[in-house]
Amino acid sequence: MTPGPSQLVWSSDDGDQRKQQPSAQVISLPPAQQMAYLHRDSKGRGGKAVTLIKNLVLTEADLQALAKTIKQAVGSGGTVKDGVIEIQGEHREKIAEVLRKLGYKTKLAGG
């Protein structure tokens, strides 16, 4: 076996190197250039509906800030998972109105 380029698998300073994801820099697009898709979903949630806001190109900090604004506007809880904002309950029309006021284009999808 010929020695090839080796990859560092373990480091005593940083631990398991295989678990570290390469950091990709995401730059937030202006609201006018984005289309937010509003989905209704209840799968895997015990039959309780959640509203998903997908297709936004925002940094993690901007997603968190937008989620907070939306949660306050509709008076409901929620979270950000894998670049998707999840708001508890069926609030698609109210969220669409909030997003339009912020300058986003919206589209109701699913359910």
PDB file of N, CA and C in Angstrom:
ATOM      1  N   MET A   1       0.835  -1.161   0.000  1.00  0.00           N
ATOM      2  CA  MET A   1       0.000   0.000   0.000  1.00  0.00           C
ATOM      3  C   MET A   1       0.892   1.239   0.000  1.00  0.00           C
ATOM      4  N   THR A   2       0.616   2.157  -0.911  1.00  0.00           N
ATOM      5  CA  THR A   2       1.428   3.364  -0.997  1.00  0.00           C
ATOM      6  C   THR A   2       0.849   4.431  -0.071  1.00  0.00           C
ATOM      7  N   PRO A   3       1.714   5.162   0.579  1.00  0.00           N
ATOM      8  CA  PRO A   3       1.201   6.214   1.448  1.00  0.00           C
ATOM      9  C   PRO A   3       0.607   7.345   0.611  1.00  0.00           C
ATOM     10  N   GLY A   4      -0.613   7.709   0.917  1.00  0.00           N
ATOM     11  CA  GLY A   4      -1.287   8.783   0.200  1.00  0.00           C
ATOM     12  C   GLY A   4      -1.477   9.974   1.123  1.00  0.00           C
ATOM     13  N   PRO A   5      -2.192  10.947   0.646  1.00  0.00           N
ATOM     14  CA  PRO A   5      -2.439  12.113   1.501  1.00  0.00           C
ATOM     15  C   PRO A   5      -3.309  11.692   2.690  1.00  0.00           C
ATOM     16  N   SER A   6      -2.840  11.994   3.880  1.00  0.00           N
ATOM     17  CA  SER A   6      -3.585  11.590   5.067  1.00  0.00           C
ATOM     18  C   SER A   6      -4.448  12.737   5.556  1.00  0.00           C
ATOM     19  N   GLN A   7      -5.580  12.356   6.114  1.00  0.00           N
ATOM     20  CA  GLN A   7      -6.453  13.342   6.720  1.00  0.00           C
ATOM     21  C   GLN A   7      -6.367  13.178   8.222  1.00  0.00           C
ATOM     22  N   LEU A   8      -6.330  14.275   8.919  1.00  0.00           N
ATOM     23  CA  LEU A   8      -6.302  14.254  10.361  1.00  0.00           C
ATOM     24  C   LEU A   8      -7.659  13.786  10.862  1.00  0.00           C
ATOM     25  N   VAL A   9      -7.678  12.712  11.640  1.00  0.00           N
ATOM     26  CA  VAL A   9      -8.925  12.156  12.142  1.00  0.00           C
ATOM     27  C   VAL A   9      -9.140  12.535  13.593  1.00  0.00           C
ATOM     28  N   TRP A  10      -8.080  12.597  14.367  1.00  0.00           N
ATOM     29  CA  TRP A  10      -8.193  12.901  15.784  1.00  0.00           C
ATOM     30  C   TRP A  10      -7.090  13.862  16.178  1.00  0.00           C
ATOM     31  N   SER A  11      -7.444  14.826  16.989  1.00  0.00           N
ATOM     32  CA  SER A  11      -6.470  15.759  17.531  1.00  0.00           C
ATOM     33  C   SER A  11      -6.729  15.886  19.026  1.00  0.00           C
ATOM     34  N   SER A  12      -5.676  15.866  19.812  1.00  0.00           N
ATOM     35  CA  SER A  12      -5.868  15.964  21.259  1.00  0.00           C
ATOM     36  C   SER A  12      -6.386  17.347  21.661  1.00  0.00           C
ATOM     37  N   ASP A  13      -6.177  18.334  20.815  1.00  0.00           N
ATOM     38  CA  ASP A  13      -6.678  19.673  21.130  1.00  0.00           C
ATOM     39  C   ASP A  13      -8.140  19.852  20.744  1.00  0.00           C
ATOM     40  N   ASP A  14      -8.542  19.309  19.594  1.00  0.00           N
ATOM     41  CA  ASP A  14      -9.869  19.576  19.050  1.00  0.00           C
ATOM     42  C   ASP A  14     -10.799  18.376  19.054  1.00  0.00           C
ATOM     43  N   GLY A  15     -10.337  17.185  19.389  1.00  0.00           N
ATOM     44  CA  GLY A  15     -11.199  16.009  19.399  1.00  0.00           C
ATOM     45  C   GLY A  15     -11.352  15.408  18.023  1.00  0.00           C
ATOM     46  N   ASP A  16     -12.498  14.799  17.771  1.00  0.00           N
ATOM     47  CA  ASP A  16     -12.768  14.091  16.521  1.00  0.00           C
ATOM     48  C   ASP A  16     -12.957  15.091  15.383  1.00  0.00           C
ATOM     49  N   GLN A  17     -12.044  15.088  14.439  1.00  0.00           N
ATOM     50  CA  GLN A  17     -12.073  16.034  13.338  1.00  0.00           C
ATOM     51  C   GLN A  17     -13.144  15.691  12.298  1.00  0.00           C
ATOM     52  N   ARG A  18     -13.586  14.442  12.271  1.00  0.00           N
ATOM     53  CA  ARG A  18     -14.585  14.033  11.281  1.00  0.00           C
ATOM     54  C   ARG A  18     -15.945  14.649  11.555  1.00  0.00           C
ATOM     55  N   LYS A  19     -16.217  15.039  12.776  1.00  0.00           N
ATOM     56  CA  LYS A  19     -17.516  15.591  13.149  1.00  0.00           C
ATOM     57  C   LYS A  19     -17.630  17.082  12.866  1.00  0.00           C
ATOM     58  N   GLN A  20     -16.540  17.725  12.571  1.00  0.00           N
ATOM     59  CA  GLN A  20     -16.570  19.155  12.304  1.00  0.00           C
ATOM     60  C   GLN A  20     -16.993  19.394  10.864  1.00  0.00           C
ATOM     61  N   GLN A  21     -17.996  20.227  10.707  1.00  0.00           N
ATOM     62  CA  GLN A  21     -18.489  20.571   9.378  1.00  0.00           C
ATOM     63  C   GLN A  21     -17.692  21.754   8.839  1.00  0.00           C
ATOM     64  N   PRO A  22     -17.420  21.746   7.546  1.00  0.00           N
ATOM     65  CA  PRO A  22     -16.758  22.917   6.979  1.00  0.00           C
ATOM     66  C   PRO A  22     -17.689  24.120   7.086  1.00  0.00           C
ATOM     67  N   SER A  23     -17.153  25.229   7.510  1.00  0.00           N
ATOM     68  CA  SER A  23     -17.989  26.406   7.719  1.00  0.00           C
ATOM     69  C   SER A  23     -18.202  27.123   6.385  1.00  0.00           C
ATOM     70  N   ALA A  24     -19.432  27.170   5.967  1.00  0.00           N
ATOM     71  CA  ALA A  24     -19.792  27.867   4.738  1.00  0.00           C
ATOM     72  C   ALA A  24     -20.413  29.200   5.134  1.00  0.00           C
ATOM     73  N   GLN A  25     -19.886  30.254   4.594  1.00  0.00           N
ATOM     74  CA  GLN A  25     -20.396  31.579   4.910  1.00  0.00           C
ATOM     75  C   GLN A  25     -21.653  31.848   4.092  1.00  0.00           C
ATOM     76  N   VAL A  26     -22.750  32.135   4.779  1.00  0.00           N
ATOM     77  CA  VAL A  26     -24.001  32.474   4.126  1.00  0.00           C
ATOM     78  C   VAL A  26     -24.187  33.970   4.262  1.00  0.00           C
ATOM     79  N   ILE A  27     -24.520  34.597   3.168  1.00  0.00           N
ATOM     80  CA  ILE A  27     -24.770  36.032   3.169  1.00  0.00           C
ATOM     81  C   ILE A  27     -26.263  36.240   2.984  1.00  0.00           C
ATOM     82  N   SER A  28     -26.848  37.049   3.830  1.00  0.00           N
ATOM     83  CA  SER A  28     -28.282  37.302   3.756  1.00  0.00           C
ATOM     84  C   SER A  28     -28.615  38.120   2.516  1.00  0.00           C
ATOM     85  N   LEU A  29     -29.643  37.676   1.802  1.00  0.00           N
ATOM     86  CA  LEU A  29     -30.147  38.438   0.672  1.00  0.00           C
ATOM     87  C   LEU A  29     -31.168  39.456   1.173  1.00  0.00           C
ATOM     88  N   PRO A  30     -31.337  40.560   0.467  1.00  0.00           N
ATOM     89  CA  PRO A  30     -32.359  41.534   0.863  1.00  0.00           C
ATOM     90  C   PRO A  30     -33.758  40.913   0.747  1.00  0.00           C
ATOM     91  N   PRO A  31     -34.696  41.356   1.576  1.00  0.00           N
ATOM     92  CA  PRO A  31     -36.048  40.779   1.546  1.00  0.00           C
ATOM     93  C   PRO A  31     -36.725  40.855   0.174  1.00  0.00           C
ATOM     94  N   ALA A  32     -36.495  41.914  -0.573  1.00  0.00           N
ATOM     95  CA  ALA A  32     -37.157  42.068  -1.864  1.00  0.00           C
ATOM     96  C   ALA A  32     -36.726  41.000  -2.872  1.00  0.00           C
ATOM     97  N   GLN A  33     -35.580  40.375  -2.659  1.00  0.00           N
ATOM     98  CA  GLN A  33     -35.075  39.364  -3.584  1.00  0.00           C
ATOM     99  C   GLN A  33     -35.437  37.948  -3.167  1.00  0.00           C
ATOM    100  N   GLN A  34     -36.273  37.792  -2.135  1.00  0.00           N
ATOM    101  CA  GLN A  34     -36.559  36.458  -1.616  1.00  0.00           C
ATOM    102  C   GLN A  34     -38.049  36.139  -1.661  1.00  0.00           C
ATOM    103  N   MET A  35     -38.328  34.852  -1.844  1.00  0.00           N
ATOM    104  CA  MET A  35     -39.699  34.336  -1.810  1.00  0.00           C
ATOM    105  C   MET A  35     -39.779  33.361  -0.638  1.00  0.00           C
ATOM    106  N   ALA A  36     -40.618  33.671   0.334  1.00  0.00           N
ATOM    107  CA  ALA A  36     -40.796  32.807   1.502  1.00  0.00           C
ATOM    108  C   ALA A  36     -41.991  31.891   1.251  1.00  0.00           C
ATOM    109  N   TYR A  37     -41.765  30.583   1.393  1.00  0.00           N
ATOM    110  CA  TYR A  37     -42.839  29.600   1.230  1.00  0.00           C
ATOM    111  C   TYR A  37     -43.362  29.220   2.603  1.00  0.00           C
ATOM    112  N   LEU A  38     -44.671  29.343   2.793  1.00  0.00           N
ATOM    113  CA  LEU A  38     -45.309  29.042   4.072  1.00  0.00           C
ATOM    114  C   LEU A  38     -46.043  27.717   3.956  1.00  0.00           C
ATOM    115  N   HIS A  39     -45.585  26.731   4.712  1.00  0.00           N
ATOM    116  CA  HIS A  39     -46.163  25.388   4.694  1.00  0.00           C
ATOM    117  C   HIS A  39     -46.873  25.119   6.009  1.00  0.00           C
ATOM    118  N   ARG A  40     -47.889  24.276   5.968  1.00  0.00           N
ATOM    119  CA  ARG A  40     -48.541  23.769   7.173  1.00  0.00           C
ATOM    120  C   ARG A  40     -48.127  22.314   7.285  1.00  0.00           C
ATOM    121  N   ASP A  41     -47.693  21.905   8.480  1.00  0.00           N
ATOM    122  CA  ASP A  41     -47.242  20.534   8.662  1.00  0.00           C
ATOM    123  C   ASP A  41     -47.675  20.044  10.030  1.00  0.00           C
ATOM    124  N   SER A  42     -47.959  18.735  10.132  1.00  0.00           N
ATOM    125  CA  SER A  42     -48.298  18.153  11.433  1.00  0.00           C
ATOM    126  C   SER A  42     -47.670  16.781  11.604  1.00  0.00           C
ATOM    127  N   LYS A  43     -46.878  16.343  10.647  1.00  0.00           N
ATOM    128  CA  LYS A  43     -46.274  15.015  10.718  1.00  0.00           C
ATOM    129  C   LYS A  43     -45.225  14.955  11.825  1.00  0.00           C
ATOM    130  N   GLY A  44     -45.303  13.915  12.626  1.00  0.00           N
ATOM    131  CA  GLY A  44     -44.332  13.710  13.681  1.00  0.00           C
ATOM    132  C   GLY A  44     -44.494  14.650  14.858  1.00  0.00           C
ATOM    133  N   ARG A  45     -45.641  15.313  14.959  1.00  0.00           N
ATOM    134  CA  ARG A  45     -45.862  16.279  16.027  1.00  0.00           C
ATOM    135  C   ARG A  45     -47.136  15.976  16.813  1.00  0.00           C
ATOM    136  N   GLY A  46     -47.547  14.723  16.804  1.00  0.00           N
ATOM    137  CA  GLY A  46     -48.729  14.323  17.555  1.00  0.00           C
ATOM    138  C   GLY A  46     -50.008  14.947  17.031  1.00  0.00           C
ATOM    139  N   GLY A  47     -50.063  15.255  15.743  1.00  0.00           N
ATOM    140  CA  GLY A  47     -51.260  15.829  15.143  1.00  0.00           C
ATOM    141  C   GLY A  47     -51.363  17.335  15.291  1.00  0.00           C
ATOM    142  N   LYS A  48     -50.438  17.961  15.993  1.00  0.00           N
ATOM    143  CA  LYS A  48     -50.481  19.408  16.183  1.00  0.00           C
ATOM    144  C   LYS A  48     -49.836  20.098  14.987  1.00  0.00           C
ATOM    145  N   ALA A  49     -50.497  21.131  14.522  1.00  0.00           N
ATOM    146  CA  ALA A  49     -50.034  21.831  13.326  1.00  0.00           C
ATOM    147  C   ALA A  49     -48.922  22.820  13.662  1.00  0.00           C
ATOM    148  N   VAL A  50     -47.986  22.939  12.744  1.00  0.00           N
ATOM    149  CA  VAL A  50     -46.970  23.987  12.804  1.00  0.00           C
ATOM    150  C   VAL A  50     -46.902  24.643  11.432  1.00  0.00           C
ATOM    151  N   THR A  51     -46.483  25.879  11.416  1.00  0.00           N
ATOM    152  CA  THR A  51     -46.286  26.604  10.174  1.00  0.00           C
ATOM    153  C   THR A  51     -44.786  26.670   9.914  1.00  0.00           C
ATOM    154  N   LEU A  52     -44.367  26.217   8.731  1.00  0.00           N
ATOM    155  CA  LEU A  52     -42.960  26.218   8.346  1.00  0.00           C
ATOM    156  C   LEU A  52     -42.707  27.337   7.352  1.00  0.00           C
ATOM    157  N   ILE A  53     -41.643  28.077   7.569  1.00  0.00           N
ATOM    158  CA  ILE A  53     -41.243  29.143   6.649  1.00  0.00           C
ATOM    159  C   ILE A  53     -39.932  28.697   6.024  1.00  0.00           C
ATOM    160  N   LYS A  54     -39.997  28.413   4.713  1.00  0.00           N
ATOM    161  CA  LYS A  54     -38.854  27.829   4.007  1.00  0.00           C
ATOM    162  C   LYS A  54     -38.346  28.758   2.919  1.00  0.00           C
ATOM    163  N   ASN A  55     -37.178  28.402   2.396  1.00  0.00           N
ATOM    164  CA  ASN A  55     -36.592  29.017   1.213  1.00  0.00           C
ATOM    165  C   ASN A  55     -36.052  30.421   1.473  1.00  0.00           C
ATOM    166  N   LEU A  56     -35.624  30.701   2.690  1.00  0.00           N
ATOM    167  CA  LEU A  56     -35.030  31.997   2.984  1.00  0.00           C
ATOM    168  C   LEU A  56     -33.512  31.860   3.017  1.00  0.00           C
ATOM    169  N   VAL A  57     -32.823  32.786   2.366  1.00  0.00           N
ATOM    170  CA  VAL A  57     -31.362  32.797   2.362  1.00  0.00           C
ATOM    171  C   VAL A  57     -30.924  33.866   3.353  1.00  0.00           C
ATOM    172  N   LEU A  58     -30.739  33.437   4.602  1.00  0.00           N
ATOM    173  CA  LEU A  58     -30.359  34.344   5.676  1.00  0.00           C
ATOM    174  C   LEU A  58     -29.284  33.693   6.537  1.00  0.00           C
ATOM    175  N   THR A  59     -28.493  34.503   7.194  1.00  0.00           N
ATOM    176  CA  THR A  59     -27.532  33.970   8.150  1.00  0.00           C
ATOM    177  C   THR A  59     -28.297  33.426   9.351  1.00  0.00           C
ATOM    178  N   GLU A  60     -27.619  32.636  10.163  1.00  0.00           N
ATOM    179  CA  GLU A  60     -28.269  32.049  11.341  1.00  0.00           C
ATOM    180  C   GLU A  60     -28.790  33.138  12.277  1.00  0.00           C
ATOM    181  N   ALA A  61     -28.018  34.204  12.462  1.00  0.00           N
ATOM    182  CA  ALA A  61     -28.441  35.300  13.337  1.00  0.00           C
ATOM    183  C   ALA A  61     -29.670  36.010  12.782  1.00  0.00           C
ATOM    184  N   ASP A  62     -29.691  36.224  11.455  1.00  0.00           N
ATOM    185  CA  ASP A  62     -30.844  36.872  10.827  1.00  0.00           C
ATOM    186  C   ASP A  62     -32.086  35.989  10.896  1.00  0.00           C
ATOM    187  N   LEU A  63     -31.903  34.668  10.739  1.00  0.00           N
ATOM    188  CA  LEU A  63     -33.038  33.741  10.866  1.00  0.00           C
ATOM    189  C   LEU A  63     -33.606  33.794  12.280  1.00  0.00           C
ATOM    190  N   GLN A  64     -32.739  33.799  13.286  1.00  0.00           N
ATOM    191  CA  GLN A  64     -33.189  33.866  14.674  1.00  0.00           C
ATOM    192  C   GLN A  64     -33.949  35.171  14.930  1.00  0.00           C
ATOM    193  N   ALA A  65     -33.441  36.280  14.403  1.00  0.00           N
ATOM    194  CA  ALA A  65     -34.092  37.573  14.602  1.00  0.00           C
ATOM    195  C   ALA A  65     -35.454  37.617  13.908  1.00  0.00           C
ATOM    196  N   LEU A  66     -35.526  37.080  12.691  1.00  0.00           N
ATOM    197  CA  LEU A  66     -36.798  37.043  11.973  1.00  0.00           C
ATOM    198  C   LEU A  66     -37.799  36.144  12.691  1.00  0.00           C
ATOM    199  N   ALA A  67     -37.337  35.001  13.184  1.00  0.00           N
ATOM    200  CA  ALA A  67     -38.213  34.091  13.925  1.00  0.00           C
ATOM    201  C   ALA A  67     -38.769  34.782  15.164  1.00  0.00           C
ATOM    202  N   LYS A  68     -37.933  35.520  15.853  1.00  0.00           N
ATOM    203  CA  LYS A  68     -38.382  36.228  17.052  1.00  0.00           C
ATOM    204  C   LYS A  68     -39.448  37.268  16.710  1.00  0.00           C
ATOM    205  N   THR A  69     -39.235  38.005  15.618  1.00  0.00           N
ATOM    206  CA  THR A  69     -40.208  39.006  15.181  1.00  0.00           C
ATOM    207  C   THR A  69     -41.548  38.353  14.852  1.00  0.00           C
ATOM    208  N   ILE A  70     -41.504  37.235  14.135  1.00  0.00           N
ATOM    209  CA  ILE A  70     -42.726  36.541  13.742  1.00  0.00           C
ATOM    210  C   ILE A  70     -43.439  35.971  14.969  1.00  0.00           C
ATOM    211  N   LYS A  71     -42.689  35.367  15.876  1.00  0.00           N
ATOM    212  CA  LYS A  71     -43.293  34.786  17.083  1.00  0.00           C
ATOM    213  C   LYS A  71     -43.997  35.865  17.904  1.00  0.00           C
ATOM    214  N   GLN A  72     -43.396  37.037  18.010  1.00  0.00           N
ATOM    215  CA  GLN A  72     -44.024  38.127  18.755  1.00  0.00           C
ATOM    216  C   GLN A  72     -45.272  38.632  18.046  1.00  0.00           C
ATOM    217  N   ALA A  73     -45.242  38.673  16.715  1.00  0.00           N
ATOM    218  CA  ALA A  73     -46.376  39.182  15.951  1.00  0.00           C
ATOM    219  C   ALA A  73     -47.593  38.262  16.045  1.00  0.00           C
ATOM    220  N   VAL A  74     -47.359  36.953  16.048  1.00  0.00           N
ATOM    221  CA  VAL A  74     -48.490  36.013  16.081  1.00  0.00           C
ATOM    222  C   VAL A  74     -48.796  35.524  17.484  1.00  0.00           C
ATOM    223  N   GLY A  75     -47.935  35.818  18.444  1.00  0.00           N
ATOM    224  CA  GLY A  75     -48.170  35.407  19.821  1.00  0.00           C
ATOM    225  C   GLY A  75     -48.071  33.912  20.018  1.00  0.00           C
ATOM    226  N   SER A  76     -47.056  33.314  19.424  1.00  0.00           N
ATOM    227  CA  SER A  76     -46.899  31.868  19.502  1.00  0.00           C
ATOM    228  C   SER A  76     -45.426  31.523  19.634  1.00  0.00           C
ATOM    229  N   GLY A  77     -45.144  30.284  20.036  1.00  0.00           N
ATOM    230  CA  GLY A  77     -43.768  29.831  20.151  1.00  0.00           C
ATOM    231  C   GLY A  77     -43.246  29.316  18.829  1.00  0.00           C
ATOM    232  N   GLY A  78     -41.979  29.001  18.814  1.00  0.00           N
ATOM    233  CA  GLY A  78     -41.390  28.456  17.599  1.00  0.00           C
ATOM    234  C   GLY A  78     -39.893  28.312  17.744  1.00  0.00           C
ATOM    235  N   THR A  79     -39.266  27.864  16.651  1.00  0.00           N
ATOM    236  CA  THR A  79     -37.827  27.633  16.658  1.00  0.00           C
ATOM    237  C   THR A  79     -37.287  27.720  15.238  1.00  0.00           C
ATOM    238  N   VAL A  80     -35.966  27.634  15.127  1.00  0.00           N
ATOM    239  CA  VAL A  80     -35.294  27.560  13.825  1.00  0.00           C
ATOM    240  C   VAL A  80     -34.547  26.239  13.793  1.00  0.00           C
ATOM    241  N   LYS A  81     -34.842  25.396  12.787  1.00  0.00           N
ATOM    242  CA  LYS A  81     -34.161  24.108  12.621  1.00  0.00           C
ATOM    243  C   LYS A  81     -33.731  23.954  11.177  1.00  0.00           C
ATOM    244  N   ASP A  82     -32.468  23.710  10.956  1.00  0.00           N
ATOM    245  CA  ASP A  82     -31.922  23.434   9.624  1.00  0.00           C
ATOM    246  C   ASP A  82     -32.313  24.502   8.602  1.00  0.00           C
ATOM    247  N   GLY A  83     -32.289  25.753   8.974  1.00  0.00           N
ATOM    248  CA  GLY A  83     -32.589  26.834   8.051  1.00  0.00           C
ATOM    249  C   GLY A  83     -34.067  27.034   7.785  1.00  0.00           C
ATOM    250  N   VAL A  84     -34.936  26.377   8.555  1.00  0.00           N
ATOM    251  CA  VAL A  84     -36.386  26.498   8.408  1.00  0.00           C
ATOM    252  C   VAL A  84     -36.947  27.044   9.715  1.00  0.00           C
ATOM    253  N   ILE A  85     -37.797  28.059   9.621  1.00  0.00           N
ATOM    254  CA  ILE A  85     -38.443  28.611  10.808  1.00  0.00           C
ATOM    255  C   ILE A  85     -39.725  27.835  11.051  1.00  0.00           C
ATOM    256  N   GLU A  86     -39.895  27.309  12.264  1.00  0.00           N
ATOM    257  CA  GLU A  86     -41.096  26.580  12.653  1.00  0.00           C
ATOM    258  C   GLU A  86     -41.849  27.401  13.686  1.00  0.00           C
ATOM    259  N   ILE A  87     -43.109  27.704  13.396  1.00  0.00           N
ATOM    260  CA  ILE A  87     -43.968  28.443  14.315  1.00  0.00           C
ATOM    261  C   ILE A  87     -45.101  27.522  14.739  1.00  0.00           C
ATOM    262  N   GLN A  88     -45.355  27.431  16.029  1.00  0.00           N
ATOM    263  CA  GLN A  88     -46.399  26.545  16.533  1.00  0.00           C
ATOM    264  C   GLN A  88     -47.773  27.072  16.145  1.00  0.00           C
ATOM    265  N   GLY A  89     -48.594  26.177  15.598  1.00  0.00           N
ATOM    266  CA  GLY A  89     -49.967  26.532  15.231  1.00  0.00           C
ATOM    267  C   GLY A  89     -50.098  26.894  13.768  1.00  0.00           C
ATOM    268  N   GLU A  90     -51.335  27.066  13.356  1.00  0.00           N
ATOM    269  CA  GLU A  90     -51.676  27.412  11.971  1.00  0.00           C
ATOM    270  C   GLU A  90     -51.804  28.931  11.873  1.00  0.00           C
ATOM    271  N   HIS A  91     -50.751  29.594  11.386  1.00  0.00           N
ATOM    272  CA  HIS A  91     -50.714  31.056  11.319  1.00  0.00           C
ATOM    273  C   HIS A  91     -50.248  31.546   9.950  1.00  0.00           C
ATOM    274  N   ARG A  92     -50.517  30.800   8.897  1.00  0.00           N
ATOM    275  CA  ARG A  92     -49.929  31.150   7.599  1.00  0.00           C
ATOM    276  C   ARG A  92     -50.353  32.531   7.111  1.00  0.00           C
ATOM    277  N   GLU A  93     -51.631  32.883   7.232  1.00  0.00           N
ATOM    278  CA  GLU A  93     -52.090  34.170   6.714  1.00  0.00           C
ATOM    279  C   GLU A  93     -51.493  35.330   7.501  1.00  0.00           C
ATOM    280  N   LYS A  94     -51.452  35.187   8.816  1.00  0.00           N
ATOM    281  CA  LYS A  94     -50.910  36.248   9.657  1.00  0.00           C
ATOM    282  C   LYS A  94     -49.399  36.406   9.422  1.00  0.00           C
ATOM    283  N   ILE A  95     -48.689  35.289   9.286  1.00  0.00           N
ATOM    284  CA  ILE A  95     -47.247  35.335   9.027  1.00  0.00           C
ATOM    285  C   ILE A  95     -46.975  35.936   7.651  1.00  0.00           C
ATOM    286  N   ALA A  96     -47.805  35.593   6.671  1.00  0.00           N
ATOM    287  CA  ALA A  96     -47.638  36.158   5.327  1.00  0.00           C
ATOM    288  C   ALA A  96     -47.775  37.675   5.369  1.00  0.00           C
ATOM    289  N   GLU A  97     -48.720  38.157   6.150  1.00  0.00           N
ATOM    290  CA  GLU A  97     -48.915  39.603   6.274  1.00  0.00           C
ATOM    291  C   GLU A  97     -47.691  40.270   6.919  1.00  0.00           C
ATOM    292  N   VAL A  98     -47.154  39.651   7.965  1.00  0.00           N
ATOM    293  CA  VAL A  98     -45.968  40.192   8.636  1.00  0.00           C
ATOM    294  C   VAL A  98     -44.777  40.214   7.679  1.00  0.00           C
ATOM    295  N   LEU A  99     -44.579  39.118   6.943  1.00  0.00           N
ATOM    296  CA  LEU A  99     -43.449  39.045   6.011  1.00  0.00           C
ATOM    297  C   LEU A  99     -43.589  40.064   4.882  1.00  0.00           C
ATOM    298  N   ARG A 100     -44.804  40.281   4.396  1.00  0.00           N
ATOM    299  CA  ARG A 100     -45.012  41.269   3.334  1.00  0.00           C
ATOM    300  C   ARG A 100     -44.672  42.665   3.833  1.00  0.00           C
ATOM    301  N   LYS A 101     -45.024  42.961   5.097  1.00  0.00           N
ATOM    302  CA  LYS A 101     -44.689  44.269   5.660  1.00  0.00           C
ATOM    303  C   LYS A 101     -43.177  44.456   5.780  1.00  0.00           C
ATOM    304  N   LEU A 102     -42.454  43.345   5.972  1.00  0.00           N
ATOM    305  CA  LEU A 102     -40.998  43.400   6.056  1.00  0.00           C
ATOM    306  C   LEU A 102     -40.332  43.425   4.685  1.00  0.00           C
ATOM    307  N   GLY A 103     -41.125  43.252   3.623  1.00  0.00           N
ATOM    308  CA  GLY A 103     -40.586  43.337   2.271  1.00  0.00           C
ATOM    309  C   GLY A 103     -40.384  42.014   1.556  1.00  0.00           C
ATOM    310  N   TYR A 104     -40.757  40.890   2.183  1.00  0.00           N
ATOM    311  CA  TYR A 104     -40.607  39.574   1.558  1.00  0.00           C
ATOM    312  C   TYR A 104     -41.801  39.272   0.671  1.00  0.00           C
ATOM    313  N   LYS A 105     -41.561  38.524  -0.399  1.00  0.00           N
ATOM    314  CA  LYS A 105     -42.645  37.979  -1.206  1.00  0.00           C
ATOM    315  C   LYS A 105     -43.028  36.650  -0.550  1.00  0.00           C
ATOM    316  N   THR A 106     -44.302  36.330  -0.515  1.00  0.00           N
ATOM    317  CA  THR A 106     -44.734  35.112   0.165  1.00  0.00           C
ATOM    318  C   THR A 106     -45.587  34.259  -0.768  1.00  0.00           C
ATOM    319  N   LYS A 107     -45.586  32.974  -0.466  1.00  0.00           N
ATOM    320  CA  LYS A 107     -46.396  32.021  -1.223  1.00  0.00           C
ATOM    321  C   LYS A 107     -46.882  30.974  -0.230  1.00  0.00           C
ATOM    322  N   LEU A 108     -48.202  30.764  -0.168  1.00  0.00           N
ATOM    323  CA  LEU A 108     -48.761  29.731   0.682  1.00  0.00           C
ATOM    324  C   LEU A 108     -48.648  28.407  -0.052  1.00  0.00           C
ATOM    325  N   ALA A 109     -48.085  27.415   0.620  1.00  0.00           N
ATOM    326  CA  ALA A 109     -47.863  26.117  -0.017  1.00  0.00           C
ATOM    327  C   ALA A 109     -48.269  25.015   0.937  1.00  0.00           C
ATOM    328  N   GLY A 110     -48.794  23.944   0.399  1.00  0.00           N
ATOM    329  CA  GLY A 110     -49.117  22.758   1.183  1.00  0.00           C
ATOM    330  C   GLY A 110     -50.244  22.951   2.165  1.00  0.00           C
ATOM    331  N   GLY A 111     -51.044  21.910   2.346  1.00  0.00           N
ATOM    332  CA  GLY A 111     -52.094  21.862   3.350  1.00  0.00           C
ATOM    333  C   GLY A 111     -53.143  22.875   3.161  1.00  0.00           C
TER     334      GLY A 111
END
